[in-house]
Protein backbone atom coordinates (compact mmCIF):
# COMPACT_ATOMS: atom_id res chain seq x y z
CA UNK A 1 13.50 9.07 8.73
CA UNK A 2 12.56 7.13 5.60
CA UNK A 3 11.51 9.62 2.92
CA UNK A 4 8.73 8.46 0.53
CA UNK A 5 7.43 9.86 -2.75
CA UNK A 6 4.16 8.46 -4.12
CA UNK A 7 3.26 8.25 -7.81
CA UNK A 8 -0.51 8.60 -8.26
CA UNK A 9 -2.43 10.38 -5.52
CA UNK A 10 -5.48 8.14 -5.74
CA UNK A 11 -7.29 6.26 -2.99
CA UNK A 12 -4.38 3.94 -2.16
CA UNK A 13 -1.85 6.76 -1.76
CA UNK A 14 -4.38 8.88 0.14
CA UNK A 15 -5.22 6.06 2.58
CA UNK A 16 -1.49 5.50 3.03
CA UNK A 17 -0.88 9.19 3.82
CA UNK A 18 -3.85 9.51 6.18
CA UNK A 19 -3.16 6.20 7.92
CA UNK A 20 0.53 6.95 8.46
CA UNK A 21 -0.20 10.32 10.05
CA UNK A 22 -2.87 8.82 12.30
CA UNK A 23 -0.48 6.08 13.46
CA UNK A 24 2.27 8.62 14.08
CA UNK A 25 -0.06 10.74 16.23
CA UNK A 26 -1.05 7.71 18.32
CA UNK A 27 -4.64 7.90 17.14
CA UNK A 28 -4.54 4.61 15.23
CA UNK A 29 -3.13 1.13 15.77
CA UNK A 30 -1.10 -0.29 12.84
CA UNK A 31 -3.64 -2.99 12.04
CA UNK A 32 -3.16 -4.29 8.49
CA UNK A 33 0.64 -3.78 8.58
CA UNK A 34 1.92 -7.39 8.53
CA UNK A 35 5.31 -6.95 10.24
CA UNK A 36 3.85 -5.03 13.17
CA UNK A 37 3.18 -8.45 14.67
CA UNK A 38 6.95 -8.56 15.16
CA UNK A 39 9.44 -5.95 16.27
CA UNK A 40 10.91 -4.30 13.18
CA UNK A 41 14.07 -2.20 13.18
CA UNK A 42 12.33 0.72 11.45
CA UNK A 43 9.24 1.97 13.32
CA UNK A 44 6.21 3.05 11.32
CA UNK A 45 6.58 6.50 12.87
CA UNK A 46 9.83 6.98 10.95
CA UNK A 47 8.06 6.97 7.57
CA UNK A 48 7.46 10.38 5.98
CA UNK A 49 5.72 11.15 2.70
CA UNK A 50 7.64 14.07 1.18
CA UNK A 51 6.24 14.24 -2.34
CA UNK A 52 3.44 13.20 -4.67
CA UNK A 53 2.87 13.18 -8.46
CA UNK A 54 -0.40 12.97 -10.37
CA UNK A 55 -2.04 14.10 -13.62
CA UNK A 56 -5.57 14.74 -12.38
CA UNK A 57 -6.32 18.48 -12.70
CA UNK A 58 -8.41 18.23 -9.55
CA UNK A 59 -5.32 17.18 -7.54
CA UNK A 60 -2.30 18.81 -9.17
CA UNK A 61 -1.24 21.93 -7.25
CA UNK A 62 -3.30 21.04 -4.17
CA UNK A 63 -1.98 19.62 -0.90
CA UNK A 64 -2.48 15.99 0.09
CA UNK A 65 -4.61 17.31 2.94
CA UNK A 66 -7.00 19.00 0.49
CA UNK A 67 -7.14 15.90 -1.72
CA UNK A 68 -7.70 13.65 1.28
CA UNK A 69 -10.50 15.88 2.62
CA UNK A 70 -12.30 15.53 -0.71
CA UNK A 71 -11.76 11.77 -0.99
CA UNK A 72 -11.95 10.55 2.62
CA UNK A 73 -13.19 13.46 4.72
CA UNK A 74 -16.69 12.06 5.07
CA UNK A 75 -15.33 8.72 6.36
CA UNK A 76 -12.14 9.46 8.30
CA UNK A 77 -10.43 12.28 10.16
CA UNK A 78 -7.78 13.85 7.92
CA UNK A 79 -4.65 15.08 9.75
CA UNK A 80 -3.72 18.69 9.02
CA UNK A 81 -0.04 17.72 8.92
CA UNK A 82 -0.73 16.59 5.32
CA UNK A 83 -0.88 20.24 4.31
CA UNK A 84 2.92 20.14 4.14
CA UNK A 85 2.98 18.11 0.88
CA UNK A 86 1.70 19.42 -2.45
CA UNK A 87 0.77 17.20 -5.42
CA UNK A 88 2.95 17.94 -8.46
CA UNK A 89 2.24 17.29 -12.13
CA UNK A 90 3.63 13.95 -13.22
CA UNK A 91 3.78 11.76 -16.32
CA UNK A 92 0.59 10.71 -18.10
CA UNK A 93 1.46 8.61 -21.18
CA UNK A 94 -2.27 8.17 -21.66
CA UNK A 95 -2.60 6.09 -18.47
CA UNK A 96 -5.97 7.61 -17.52
CA UNK A 97 -7.09 8.73 -20.97
CA UNK A 98 -10.89 8.66 -21.13
CA UNK A 99 -11.12 8.13 -17.38
CA UNK A 100 -10.26 11.52 -15.89
CA UNK A 101 -11.37 14.55 -17.88
CA UNK A 102 -8.59 17.08 -18.46
CA UNK A 103 -5.81 14.79 -17.25
CA UNK A 104 -2.51 16.11 -18.53
CA UNK A 105 1.09 15.19 -17.86
CA UNK A 106 4.47 16.81 -18.33
CA UNK A 107 5.02 14.55 -21.34
CA UNK A 108 2.13 16.08 -23.25
CA UNK A 109 3.54 19.58 -22.80
CA UNK A 110 7.25 18.87 -23.12
CA UNK A 111 7.73 15.42 -24.65
CA UNK A 112 8.64 12.23 -22.83
CA UNK A 113 12.42 12.75 -22.66
CA UNK A 114 12.07 16.18 -21.00
CA UNK A 115 9.30 14.87 -18.70
CA UNK A 116 11.61 12.15 -17.37
CA UNK A 117 14.32 14.74 -16.76
CA UNK A 118 11.95 17.08 -14.88
CA UNK A 119 10.65 14.31 -12.62
CA UNK A 120 14.29 13.31 -11.92
CA UNK A 121 15.01 16.96 -11.05
CA UNK A 122 12.09 17.06 -8.63
CA UNK A 123 13.22 13.78 -7.04
CA UNK A 124 16.63 15.34 -6.50
CA UNK A 125 14.92 18.14 -4.61
CA UNK A 126 12.65 15.82 -2.59
CA UNK A 127 15.42 13.27 -1.90
CA UNK A 128 13.25 10.15 -1.36
CA UNK A 129 14.66 6.85 -0.20
CA UNK A 130 11.60 4.97 -1.51
CA UNK A 131 9.29 5.77 -4.43
CA UNK A 132 5.94 3.97 -4.49
CA UNK A 133 4.02 3.51 -7.75
CA UNK A 134 0.25 3.32 -7.30
CA UNK A 135 -0.97 4.98 -10.51
CA UNK A 136 -4.05 3.56 -12.26
CA UNK A 137 -3.58 0.21 -14.02
CA UNK A 138 -2.05 0.75 -17.47
CA UNK A 139 -0.81 -1.30 -20.38
CA UNK A 140 2.96 -1.72 -20.60
CA UNK A 141 5.31 -3.89 -22.64
CA UNK A 142 8.73 -4.84 -21.24
CA UNK A 143 11.85 -3.40 -22.87
CA UNK A 144 13.44 -5.75 -25.42
CA UNK A 145 17.05 -4.68 -24.88
CA UNK A 146 19.04 -2.06 -23.01
CA UNK A 147 19.59 -0.27 -26.33
CA UNK A 148 15.84 -0.03 -26.93
CA UNK A 149 15.17 2.01 -23.78
CA UNK A 150 16.47 5.33 -25.05
CA UNK A 151 14.80 4.83 -28.44
CA UNK A 152 11.40 4.07 -26.92
CA UNK A 153 11.61 7.06 -24.62
CA UNK A 154 12.56 9.33 -27.54
CA UNK A 155 9.56 8.05 -29.52
CA UNK A 156 7.21 8.25 -26.52
CA UNK A 157 6.64 4.50 -26.55
CA UNK A 158 6.84 3.94 -22.83
CA UNK A 159 4.16 3.68 -20.19
CA UNK A 160 3.92 6.14 -17.30
CA UNK A 161 5.31 3.52 -14.89
CA UNK A 162 8.32 2.86 -17.13
CA UNK A 163 8.97 6.58 -17.49
CA UNK A 164 8.82 7.02 -13.72
CA UNK A 165 11.20 4.07 -13.26
CA UNK A 166 13.69 5.75 -15.60
CA UNK A 167 13.32 9.01 -13.70
CA UNK A 168 14.08 7.19 -10.44
CA UNK A 169 17.18 5.68 -12.04
CA UNK A 170 18.28 9.08 -13.29
CA UNK A 171 17.89 10.51 -9.82
CA UNK A 172 19.82 7.62 -8.23
CA UNK A 173 22.67 7.99 -10.71
CA UNK A 174 22.91 11.78 -10.38
CA UNK A 175 22.98 11.64 -6.59
CA UNK A 176 25.09 8.45 -6.43
CA UNK A 177 22.66 7.07 -3.90
CA UNK A 178 20.66 3.88 -3.52
CA UNK A 179 16.90 4.26 -4.10
CA UNK A 180 13.99 1.81 -4.06
CA UNK A 181 11.02 1.77 -6.41
CA UNK A 182 8.03 -0.26 -5.26
CA UNK A 183 5.68 -1.12 -8.16
CA UNK A 184 2.25 -1.95 -6.77
CA UNK A 185 0.43 -2.02 -10.15
CA UNK A 186 0.42 -4.74 -12.85
CA UNK A 187 2.81 -3.00 -15.27
CA UNK A 188 5.80 -5.39 -15.61
CA UNK A 189 8.71 -3.57 -13.99
CA UNK A 190 10.22 -6.13 -11.60
CA UNK A 191 9.33 -8.69 -14.32
CA UNK A 192 11.32 -6.74 -16.91
CA UNK A 193 14.93 -8.11 -17.00
CA UNK A 194 16.19 -4.93 -18.68
CA UNK A 195 14.81 -2.64 -15.97
CA UNK A 196 15.96 -4.96 -13.16
CA UNK A 197 19.49 -4.98 -14.63
CA UNK A 198 19.44 -1.17 -14.84
CA UNK A 199 18.44 -0.90 -11.18
CA UNK A 200 21.10 -3.42 -10.24
CA UNK A 201 23.73 -1.42 -12.12
CA UNK A 202 22.62 1.69 -10.23
CA UNK A 203 22.86 -0.12 -6.89
CA UNK A 204 19.13 0.40 -6.42
CA UNK A 205 16.10 -1.76 -5.77
CA UNK A 206 12.99 -2.53 -7.86
CA UNK A 207 10.20 -4.47 -6.09
CA UNK A 208 6.96 -5.66 -7.76
CA UNK A 209 4.68 -6.31 -9.50
CA UNK A 210 1.02 -5.70 -8.54
CA UNK A 211 0.23 -5.66 -4.85
CA UNK A 212 -1.72 -8.72 -3.66
CA UNK A 213 -4.39 -7.71 -1.17
CA UNK A 214 -7.58 -9.72 -1.49
CA UNK A 215 -8.75 -12.74 -3.45
CA UNK A 216 -5.45 -13.66 -5.10
CA UNK A 217 -3.41 -14.38 -1.94
CA UNK A 218 -6.39 -16.20 -0.45
CA UNK A 219 -6.72 -18.31 -3.61
CA UNK A 220 -3.00 -19.09 -3.49
CA UNK A 221 -3.22 -20.28 0.11
CA UNK A 222 -6.31 -22.41 -0.55
CA UNK A 223 -4.67 -24.05 -3.55
CA UNK A 224 -1.56 -24.82 -1.44
CA UNK A 225 -3.83 -26.40 1.18
CA UNK A 226 -5.38 -28.65 -1.47
CA UNK A 227 -2.03 -29.47 -3.09
CA UNK A 228 -0.48 -30.52 0.22
CA UNK A 229 -3.32 -32.97 0.75
CA UNK A 230 -3.02 -34.29 -2.84
CA UNK A 231 -6.57 -33.34 -3.76
CA UNK A 232 -7.10 -32.93 -7.48
CA UNK A 233 -8.46 -29.50 -8.32
CA UNK A 234 -11.05 -29.59 -11.10
CA UNK A 235 -11.90 -25.94 -11.70
CA UNK A 236 -11.47 -22.47 -10.24
CA UNK A 237 -13.69 -19.41 -10.62
CA UNK A 238 -12.71 -16.12 -9.01
CA UNK A 239 -13.87 -12.65 -9.83
CA UNK A 240 -13.91 -9.11 -8.41
CA UNK A 241 -16.29 -6.23 -9.00
CA UNK A 242 -15.58 -2.77 -7.66
CA UNK A 243 -16.54 0.84 -8.02
CA UNK A 244 -13.23 2.74 -7.77
CA UNK A 245 -11.13 4.26 -10.56
CA UNK A 246 -8.97 1.17 -10.95
CA UNK A 247 -12.02 -0.97 -11.67
CA UNK A 248 -13.29 1.64 -14.10
CA UNK A 249 -9.91 1.46 -15.87
CA UNK A 250 -10.26 -2.34 -16.06
CA UNK A 251 -13.36 -1.96 -18.27
CA UNK A 252 -10.83 -1.10 -21.00
CA UNK A 253 -9.58 -4.40 -22.52
CA UNK A 254 -5.94 -3.33 -22.88
CA UNK A 255 -5.78 -2.48 -19.16
CA UNK A 256 -7.79 -5.52 -18.03
CA UNK A 257 -5.40 -7.94 -19.73
CA UNK A 258 -2.48 -6.65 -17.58
CA UNK A 259 -4.41 -7.41 -14.37
CA UNK A 260 -5.64 -10.77 -15.67
CA UNK A 261 -2.05 -11.90 -16.36
CA UNK A 262 -0.92 -11.10 -12.82
CA UNK A 263 -3.88 -12.84 -11.21
CA UNK A 264 -4.05 -16.12 -13.15
CA UNK A 265 -0.38 -17.21 -13.04
CA UNK A 266 -0.92 -18.55 -9.53
CA UNK A 267 -2.73 -21.78 -10.62
CA UNK A 268 -0.05 -23.81 -12.36
CA UNK A 269 2.76 -22.41 -10.21
CA UNK A 270 1.20 -23.83 -7.05
CA UNK A 271 -0.63 -26.93 -8.25
CA UNK A 272 2.03 -28.06 -10.72
CA UNK A 273 -0.67 -28.54 -13.37
CA UNK A 274 -3.22 -26.29 -15.06
CA UNK A 275 -6.97 -26.59 -14.64
CA UNK A 276 -9.90 -24.78 -16.21
CA UNK A 277 -10.04 -21.45 -14.45
CA UNK A 278 -11.56 -18.02 -14.64
CA UNK A 279 -9.55 -15.61 -12.49
CA UNK A 280 -9.96 -12.00 -13.42
CA UNK A 281 -11.50 -8.66 -12.51
CA UNK A 282 -14.87 -8.66 -14.22
CA UNK A 283 -16.68 -5.41 -13.79
CA UNK A 284 -17.27 -1.89 -12.55
CA UNK A 285 -20.27 -1.01 -10.43
CA UNK A 286 -20.00 2.52 -9.06
CA UNK A 287 -22.21 2.06 -5.94
CA UNK A 288 -19.72 -0.52 -4.62
CA UNK A 289 -17.12 2.23 -4.33
CA UNK A 290 -13.76 1.12 -2.94
CA UNK A 291 -15.30 -1.86 -1.13
CA UNK A 292 -15.07 -4.50 -3.83
CA UNK A 293 -17.15 -7.67 -4.01
CA UNK A 294 -15.18 -10.92 -4.38
CA UNK A 295 -16.55 -14.36 -5.14
CA UNK A 296 -14.69 -17.64 -5.47
CA UNK A 297 -15.56 -21.25 -6.27
CA UNK A 298 -13.07 -24.15 -6.23
CA UNK A 299 -14.04 -27.75 -6.99
CA UNK A 300 -11.79 -30.76 -6.38
CA UNK A 301 -11.68 -34.55 -6.12
CA UNK A 302 -10.97 -36.15 -2.78
CA UNK A 303 -10.41 -39.74 -1.60
CA UNK A 304 -12.52 -42.45 -3.26
CA UNK A 305 -13.15 -40.17 -6.25
CA UNK A 306 -15.74 -38.02 -4.55
CA UNK A 307 -16.06 -34.32 -5.30
CA UNK A 308 -15.93 -31.40 -2.85
CA UNK A 309 -16.26 -27.71 -3.40
CA UNK A 310 -15.63 -24.43 -1.64
CA UNK A 311 -17.49 -21.13 -2.09
CA UNK A 312 -16.25 -17.82 -0.68
CA UNK A 313 -17.97 -14.44 -0.84
CA UNK A 314 -16.50 -11.33 0.73
CA UNK A 315 -16.39 -7.54 0.64
CA UNK A 316 -12.93 -5.94 0.91
CA UNK A 317 -11.92 -2.32 1.39
CA UNK A 318 -9.58 -2.40 -1.59
CA UNK A 319 -7.31 0.63 -1.15
CA UNK A 320 -6.67 0.45 2.62
CA UNK A 321 -5.68 -3.21 2.23
CA UNK A 322 -2.88 -2.27 -0.17
CA UNK A 323 -1.91 0.84 1.78
CA UNK A 324 -1.17 -1.28 4.85
CA UNK A 325 1.17 -3.49 2.82
CA UNK A 326 2.95 -0.44 1.41
CA UNK A 327 3.93 0.61 4.93
CA UNK A 328 6.00 -2.57 5.26
CA UNK A 329 7.29 -2.43 1.69
CA UNK A 330 8.74 1.02 2.40
CA UNK A 331 10.41 -0.21 5.60
CA UNK A 332 11.71 -3.39 4.03
CA UNK A 333 13.02 -1.49 1.01
CA UNK A 334 15.05 0.79 3.23
CA UNK A 335 16.47 -2.12 5.24
CA UNK A 336 17.51 -3.94 2.08
CA UNK A 337 19.10 -0.84 0.59
CA UNK A 338 21.09 -0.29 3.78
CA UNK A 339 22.44 -3.83 3.45
CA UNK A 340 23.46 -3.47 -0.17
CA UNK A 341 20.61 -5.32 -1.87
CA UNK A 342 19.98 -4.28 -5.50
CA UNK A 343 18.00 -5.38 -8.53
CA UNK A 344 14.95 -7.18 -7.18
CA UNK A 345 14.32 -9.48 -4.19
CA UNK A 346 12.08 -12.45 -4.84
CA UNK A 347 11.48 -13.30 -1.16
CA UNK A 348 9.79 -9.93 -0.65
CA UNK A 349 7.94 -9.92 -3.94
CA UNK A 350 6.60 -13.43 -3.43
CA UNK A 351 4.61 -12.36 -0.37
CA UNK A 352 3.46 -8.89 -1.37
CA UNK A 353 2.89 -9.20 -5.14
CA UNK A 354 0.47 -10.97 -7.46
CA UNK A 355 3.18 -11.34 -10.12
CA UNK A 356 6.41 -11.49 -8.17
CA UNK A 357 9.57 -10.51 -10.00
CA UNK A 358 11.97 -11.49 -11.41
CA UNK A 359 10.47 -12.88 -14.61
CA UNK A 360 9.67 -16.61 -14.48
CA UNK A 361 9.71 -16.58 -10.67
CA UNK A 362 6.96 -18.85 -9.33
CA UNK A 363 3.85 -17.81 -7.48
CA UNK A 364 3.76 -19.62 -4.15
CA UNK A 365 1.31 -19.76 -1.28
CA UNK A 366 1.47 -16.49 0.67
CA UNK A 367 1.78 -18.41 3.96
CA UNK A 368 4.98 -20.00 2.68
CA UNK A 369 6.17 -16.71 1.17
CA UNK A 370 5.62 -14.89 4.45
CA UNK A 371 7.66 -17.45 6.36
CA UNK A 372 10.47 -17.21 3.81
CA UNK A 373 10.51 -13.41 3.99
CA UNK A 374 10.53 -13.43 7.77
CA UNK A 375 13.55 -15.78 7.75
CA UNK A 376 15.36 -13.46 5.35
CA UNK A 377 14.67 -10.35 7.45
CA UNK A 378 15.51 -12.09 10.70
CA UNK A 379 18.77 -13.33 9.16
CA UNK A 380 19.62 -9.75 8.28
CA UNK A 381 18.87 -8.61 11.81
CA UNK A 382 16.03 -6.36 10.67
CA UNK A 383 13.28 -8.30 12.38
CA UNK A 384 13.04 -9.69 15.92
CA UNK A 385 13.55 -13.44 16.24
CA UNK A 386 11.03 -13.91 19.06
CA UNK A 387 7.50 -15.12 18.60
CA UNK A 388 5.29 -12.54 16.92
CA UNK A 389 2.70 -10.75 19.02
CA UNK A 390 0.36 -7.87 18.51
CA UNK A 391 2.07 -4.51 18.99
CA UNK A 392 0.35 -1.22 19.77
């Protein structure tokens, strides 16, 4: 069994928990889980969520089942097996300040140093193999040096994601075991050389940053298509509007800039040149809920100097799209840990993440990234080498 702890019991984590239990009961096919087209060494049914942390007073102390009934009960059946896991108080660091009334973390009651220790204690009790970070988008600055880490923690100058990463490291070191942290939000963890080196030293894994689910991977593949045909891109416009908590958080400039950075790096990396572009989340509209609206326009020059353009409009269920990717990220993390991988792994990040670590690693077309990752996993013997097909 692969034991998972989730950080942030929002819509993504709740869809993950509900979907996993429904797959395990045979009620649901694993659609939206990329590697289920192949035969993977770790079946989805072996994944088990054993713990959850949050700072929302409406979730802390309740079971995932109760939280899921409130959030998804009107849309989906919620398995009662989720009553086995209770949401515990986590680290806030102001990550949802002004967004969730009454939100409070261990750090506000005990200070950041003690909060990190308590989360590490709880991880020792829960004994996860993989920790998945899906808290609300927050602002975070990478650590300057290894020496600065302790000082910034002491002064409370770390983000919630960074504090959780340090708690995972503490847990790994205390137990002398390999652990994986998957960072699915824009906070630069796998793009922080100091944190990556700390995970490498601990024999553990740090994957990230910012799960790529909708417009960004599609944009990357379209740009690769144009680049391969030597068409000169003139401009790119891409925006998202949604009505969930993450889009509400992005109305705050300091949080929006973190997401914008992870989305716009794709242009020059793939084309080899920059062009005028507007690629960013642009607004919150509550009636849209979790089904975000995406629009895209790309203009380019073709043979004989003529101009073409492409327009895409779509609606995407935001949280389930990421939850399906997290299923594979948990399985891949475990496979890599078992084979001694540590630090970060670009081949995995390049497919799953908007801003793939390590720092300065290029964004590439997700079609290419997927093929590279499959070759890696097949070479390790984790993935079947036959032609992919749809599995029940």
